[in-house]
Protein backbone atom coordinates (compact mmCIF):
# COMPACT_ATOMS: atom_id res chain seq x y z
CA MET A 1 1.44 -22.81 21.79
CA ALA A 2 -0.31 -19.41 22.43
CA ASP A 3 -2.94 -19.41 25.18
CA LEU A 4 -6.47 -18.56 23.46
CA ILE A 5 -8.30 -15.86 25.63
CA THR A 6 -11.66 -14.63 25.32
CA VAL A 7 -12.00 -11.11 26.62
CA GLU A 8 -15.50 -9.02 26.70
CA ASP A 9 -14.36 -6.25 28.44
CA PRO A 10 -13.10 -3.17 26.49
CA ASP A 11 -11.24 -1.92 29.64
CA ASP A 12 -9.16 -5.11 30.15
CA PRO A 13 -5.86 -3.98 30.90
CA ARG A 14 -4.37 -6.75 28.64
CA LEU A 15 -5.87 -5.30 25.36
CA ARG A 16 -3.59 -1.80 26.46
CA ASP A 17 -1.34 -2.29 23.07
CA TYR A 18 -4.71 -2.16 21.16
CA THR A 19 -6.34 0.98 22.69
CA GLY A 20 -7.18 4.14 20.33
CA LEU A 21 -5.08 3.23 17.45
CA THR A 22 -6.89 6.22 15.46
CA ASP A 23 -5.10 8.89 17.60
CA VAL A 24 -2.26 9.69 15.27
CA GLU A 25 -0.39 11.88 17.80
CA LEU A 26 -0.78 9.28 20.83
CA ARG A 27 0.66 6.42 18.39
CA ARG A 28 3.18 8.32 17.18
CA LYS A 29 4.65 9.04 20.81
CA ARG A 30 3.61 5.90 22.35
CA GLU A 31 4.58 3.09 19.47
CA PRO A 32 8.38 3.77 19.22
CA ALA A 33 8.87 5.07 23.21
CA GLU A 34 7.40 1.46 24.01
CA GLY A 35 8.78 -0.70 21.38
CA LEU A 36 6.00 -1.90 19.52
CA PHE A 37 3.92 -1.81 16.44
CA ILE A 38 0.42 -3.00 15.11
CA ALA A 39 0.32 -5.36 12.27
CA GLU A 40 -3.15 -5.34 10.79
CA GLY A 41 -4.62 -8.21 8.53
CA GLU A 42 -3.48 -11.70 8.01
CA LYS A 43 -1.14 -11.29 5.46
CA VAL A 44 0.60 -8.25 7.13
CA ILE A 45 0.84 -10.59 10.28
CA ARG A 46 2.77 -13.42 8.73
CA ARG A 47 5.17 -11.42 6.80
CA ALA A 48 6.21 -9.68 10.16
CA LYS A 49 6.40 -13.00 11.89
CA ASP A 50 8.36 -14.31 8.80
CA ALA A 51 10.76 -11.18 9.12
CA GLY A 52 11.71 -12.27 12.49
CA TYR A 53 9.69 -9.42 14.28
CA GLU A 54 8.74 -10.76 17.99
CA MET A 55 4.99 -10.95 18.77
CA ARG A 56 3.63 -9.90 21.87
CA SER A 57 -0.10 -10.54 21.25
CA MET A 58 -2.84 -11.24 18.87
CA LEU A 59 -6.60 -9.47 18.95
CA LEU A 60 -8.85 -11.83 16.93
CA SER A 61 -12.09 -11.83 16.11
CA ALA A 62 -13.77 -15.38 16.19
CA LYS A 63 -14.02 -16.11 12.58
CA TRP A 64 -10.29 -15.30 12.32
CA VAL A 65 -8.98 -17.80 14.80
CA ASP A 66 -9.19 -20.72 12.74
CA VAL A 67 -7.46 -18.51 9.65
CA MET A 68 -4.55 -18.35 11.98
CA ARG A 69 -4.34 -21.09 14.22
CA ASP A 70 -0.78 -22.28 12.59
CA VAL A 71 0.44 -19.12 13.79
CA ILE A 72 -1.51 -19.35 17.26
CA ASP A 73 0.27 -22.97 17.42
CA GLU A 74 3.80 -21.90 16.80
CA LEU A 75 3.92 -18.58 19.25
CA PRO A 76 4.03 -18.50 22.55
CA ALA A 77 1.85 -14.58 22.58
CA PRO A 78 -1.55 -14.64 23.83
CA VAL A 79 -4.11 -14.34 21.88
CA TYR A 80 -7.54 -12.60 22.62
CA ALA A 81 -10.27 -13.45 20.68
CA VAL A 82 -13.31 -10.81 20.78
CA SER A 83 -16.40 -9.72 19.22
CA PRO A 84 -16.34 -7.19 15.94
CA GLU A 85 -17.97 -4.81 18.22
CA LEU A 86 -15.69 -5.15 21.30
CA ALA A 87 -12.90 -4.65 18.71
CA GLU A 88 -14.01 -1.56 17.46
CA GLN A 89 -14.65 -0.36 21.05
CA VAL A 90 -10.83 -0.98 22.23
CA THR A 91 -9.48 0.49 18.76
CA GLY A 92 -11.56 3.20 17.80
CA TYR A 93 -12.11 1.89 14.15
CA HIS A 94 -13.81 -0.87 12.86
CA VAL A 95 -11.19 -3.52 12.46
CA HIS A 96 -12.60 -4.93 9.24
CA ARG A 97 -9.75 -7.52 8.41
CA GLY A 98 -10.50 -8.88 11.85
CA ALA A 99 -7.18 -9.30 13.31
CA LEU A 100 -4.31 -7.47 14.91
CA ALA A 101 -1.16 -8.38 16.33
CA SER A 102 1.24 -6.44 18.70
CA MET A 103 4.79 -6.78 17.36
CA GLN A 104 8.03 -5.92 19.38
CA ARG A 105 10.65 -3.32 17.07
CA LYS A 106 13.94 -4.16 16.44
CA PRO A 107 16.94 -2.11 16.98
CA LEU A 108 17.23 -0.12 13.87
CA PRO A 109 20.74 -0.28 11.88
CA THR A 110 22.76 2.53 11.55
CA ALA A 111 22.93 4.38 8.26
CA ALA A 112 26.17 3.16 7.47
CA ASP A 113 25.59 -0.22 8.00
CA LEU A 114 22.73 -0.05 5.55
CA LEU A 115 24.74 1.68 2.60
CA ARG A 116 27.83 -0.70 3.23
CA GLY A 117 25.97 -3.63 1.04
CA ALA A 118 23.79 -1.37 -1.15
CA ARG A 119 23.93 -0.25 -4.58
CA ARG A 120 20.08 1.41 -4.95
CA VAL A 121 19.09 3.56 -2.09
CA VAL A 122 16.01 5.67 -1.21
CA VAL A 123 16.56 9.12 0.48
CA MET A 124 13.01 10.53 2.02
CA GLU A 125 13.12 13.96 3.06
CA SER A 126 10.08 15.25 5.51
CA VAL A 127 7.71 12.40 4.37
CA ASN A 128 4.88 12.57 6.88
CA ASP A 129 2.16 11.33 5.03
CA HIS A 130 1.67 7.64 6.29
CA THR A 131 0.07 6.40 3.18
CA ASN A 132 2.79 7.97 1.12
CA ILE A 133 5.60 6.13 3.63
CA GLY A 134 3.71 2.68 2.76
CA ALA A 135 3.09 3.47 -1.05
CA ILE A 136 6.92 3.90 -1.31
CA PHE A 137 7.97 1.04 0.81
CA ARG A 138 5.88 -1.22 -1.28
CA SER A 139 7.24 -0.01 -4.31
CA ALA A 140 10.73 -0.18 -3.20
CA ALA A 141 10.52 -3.53 -2.21
CA ALA A 142 8.72 -4.75 -5.60
CA LEU A 143 11.12 -2.55 -7.67
CA GLY A 144 14.66 -3.91 -6.20
CA MET A 145 15.67 -0.70 -4.39
CA ASP A 146 18.24 -2.07 -1.60
CA ALA A 147 17.64 0.10 1.34
CA VAL A 148 15.63 3.58 2.45
CA LEU A 149 17.25 6.29 4.37
CA LEU A 150 14.94 8.90 6.00
CA SER A 151 15.68 12.20 6.97
CA PRO A 152 14.93 12.82 11.02
CA ASP A 153 11.81 14.11 10.37
CA CYS A 154 10.03 11.58 8.49
CA ALA A 155 6.94 9.71 9.60
CA ASP A 156 7.35 6.15 11.37
CA PRO A 157 7.45 3.41 8.59
CA LEU A 158 6.22 0.86 11.28
CA TYR A 159 2.78 3.08 12.05
CA ARG A 160 -0.27 0.97 11.38
CA ARG A 161 -1.38 2.77 8.46
CA SER A 162 2.08 2.56 6.59
CA VAL A 163 2.50 -0.98 7.24
CA LYS A 164 -1.15 -1.38 5.73
CA VAL A 165 -0.49 0.11 2.98
CA SER A 166 2.84 -1.32 2.34
CA MET A 167 1.41 -4.68 2.75
CA GLY A 168 4.16 -5.39 5.04
CA ALA A 169 6.95 -4.63 2.99
CA VAL A 170 8.22 -2.26 5.48
CA PHE A 171 9.52 -5.29 6.85
CA SER A 172 11.49 -6.21 3.52
CA VAL A 173 13.61 -3.49 3.07
CA PRO A 174 15.73 -2.52 5.49
CA TYR A 175 15.70 1.30 6.52
CA ALA A 176 17.59 3.56 8.94
CA ARG A 177 17.26 7.77 9.88
CA LEU A 178 20.00 10.38 9.10
CA ASP A 179 21.13 11.60 12.04
CA THR A 180 21.29 15.37 10.67
CA TRP A 181 19.47 16.90 7.69
CA PRO A 182 21.01 17.79 5.07
CA LYS A 183 24.59 16.95 6.57
CA GLY A 184 23.93 13.39 6.69
CA LEU A 185 23.84 13.03 2.74
CA GLU A 186 27.27 13.72 2.96
CA SER A 187 27.62 10.24 4.47
CA VAL A 188 25.98 8.80 1.52
CA ARG A 189 28.30 10.56 -0.81
CA GLU A 190 30.98 9.55 1.10
CA ALA A 191 30.05 5.91 0.59
CA GLY A 192 30.12 6.17 -2.76
CA PHE A 193 26.74 7.18 -3.86
CA THR A 194 25.36 9.49 -6.30
CA LEU A 195 22.67 12.01 -5.04
CA LEU A 196 20.17 12.21 -7.65
CA ALA A 197 17.45 14.64 -6.30
CA LEU A 198 13.59 13.89 -8.22
CA THR A 199 11.91 17.28 -8.87
CA PRO A 200 9.36 18.25 -11.42
CA ASP A 201 11.92 21.38 -12.38
CA ALA A 202 12.27 22.18 -15.92
CA LYS A 203 16.10 22.46 -15.28
CA ALA A 204 16.55 18.67 -14.47
CA ARG A 205 17.52 16.13 -16.41
CA THR A 206 14.69 13.49 -17.90
CA LEU A 207 15.79 10.07 -15.90
CA ASP A 208 16.32 8.95 -19.47
CA GLU A 209 18.95 11.17 -19.94
CA ALA A 210 20.46 10.77 -16.74
CA ALA A 211 20.43 6.95 -17.09
CA PRO A 212 20.66 6.21 -13.06
CA HIS A 213 20.75 2.36 -14.10
CA GLN A 214 24.09 2.60 -15.56
CA MET A 215 25.08 4.49 -12.49
CA ASP A 216 27.12 2.31 -9.72
CA ARG A 217 25.38 3.44 -6.85
CA VAL A 218 22.45 5.75 -6.97
CA ALA A 219 20.59 7.27 -4.13
CA LEU A 220 17.33 8.90 -5.29
CA MET A 221 16.62 11.54 -2.81
CA LEU A 222 12.45 12.13 -2.82
CA GLY A 223 10.38 15.04 -0.91
CA ALA A 224 7.13 15.46 0.96
CA GLU A 225 3.55 16.09 -1.15
CA GLY A 226 3.31 19.29 -2.33
CA ASP A 227 6.60 20.74 -1.11
CA GLY A 228 8.75 18.50 -2.85
CA LEU A 229 12.44 18.72 -1.80
CA SER A 230 13.61 21.32 0.20
CA THR A 231 15.99 24.18 -1.41
CA GLN A 232 19.08 22.79 0.91
CA ALA A 233 18.71 19.22 -0.25
CA LEU A 234 18.27 20.02 -3.60
CA VAL A 235 21.64 22.02 -3.38
CA ALA A 236 23.35 18.79 -1.83
CA ALA A 237 22.27 16.75 -4.49
CA ASP A 238 24.69 15.80 -7.70
CA GLU A 239 22.07 16.27 -9.98
CA TRP A 240 18.25 16.71 -10.42
CA VAL A 241 16.38 14.14 -12.24
CA ARG A 242 12.78 14.29 -13.64
CA ILE A 243 9.95 12.58 -14.92
CA PRO A 244 8.88 13.80 -18.23
CA MET A 245 5.14 14.63 -18.17
CA ALA A 246 2.44 15.14 -20.96
CA HIS A 247 -1.05 16.93 -21.24
CA GLY A 248 0.07 19.56 -19.07
CA VAL A 249 0.29 17.59 -16.24
CA ASP A 250 3.01 19.26 -13.83
CA SER A 251 3.71 16.18 -11.43
CA LEU A 252 2.77 13.19 -9.65
CA ASN A 253 1.75 12.18 -6.36
CA VAL A 254 4.98 11.36 -4.68
CA GLY A 255 4.21 7.53 -4.26
CA ALA A 256 3.10 7.24 -7.60
CA ALA A 257 6.49 9.34 -8.87
CA ALA A 258 8.36 6.85 -6.79
CA ALA A 259 7.26 4.05 -8.32
CA VAL A 260 8.31 5.23 -11.84
CA ALA A 261 11.56 6.64 -10.86
CA PHE A 262 12.70 3.52 -9.22
CA TYR A 263 12.07 1.15 -12.07
CA ALA A 264 13.90 3.76 -13.92
CA VAL A 265 17.01 3.59 -11.52
CA ALA A 266 16.50 -0.37 -11.17
CA THR A 267 16.42 -1.05 -15.01
CA GLY A 268 18.87 -3.31 -16.49
CA ARG A 269 19.75 -4.83 -12.93
CA PRO A 270 20.12 -8.89 -13.28
CA GLU A 271 17.54 -9.83 -10.67
CA LEU A 272 15.18 -7.77 -12.69
């Protein structure tokens, strides 16, 4: 059973995992280096635990202690009970969901390991907006994508904002980083995947025309918001595909475009 510890000092060293959560650059460097990430909210904390992530500690406002009692009773990690005001002092923002947990990261699988058992894969290039990362993972989980591959410069899916936006879906879809870009795409093709680059370019075939759901193994490539896929990534693709647009709209937010494309890739699969 976890210890329930009341803390009244925002500088208490036991709360170090939770300090300065609004400092993006600090978190980007510190969380991966120290092997931790932050789960926010009851549902996300439970999903992280159910996915097998080890809990380092929890930070709860008083009213959430009873709600999380079953988790507290199951785990040996310390639980720090604080006032909402102190939680805001420690984290640097209003913890409106009232519950945070510091979780231990797992070693990432290799791209080769992920590809071995997958048929529908998402490949992201230079997606650095944490909200978009979270939205893409959530859609990938909901629409039956098997795995996610990230270019070396993509943002961290376990950053607090990504985890929160995904509602914990980052724990449901396995992911790995490609060591090189775009050269790493060669290993995806060698594993038997057709590389489809999603682009609004008029030269691309529509998803209906390309019929990716009929292909044996598909890797759908997505670029960053605004810039899209790089020239090098487009050249490396086997085929360009696009979502047909109406009313003069030229493109969608990458999170929305991903959801539409995932549905087109997965439609017709028995599990859906």
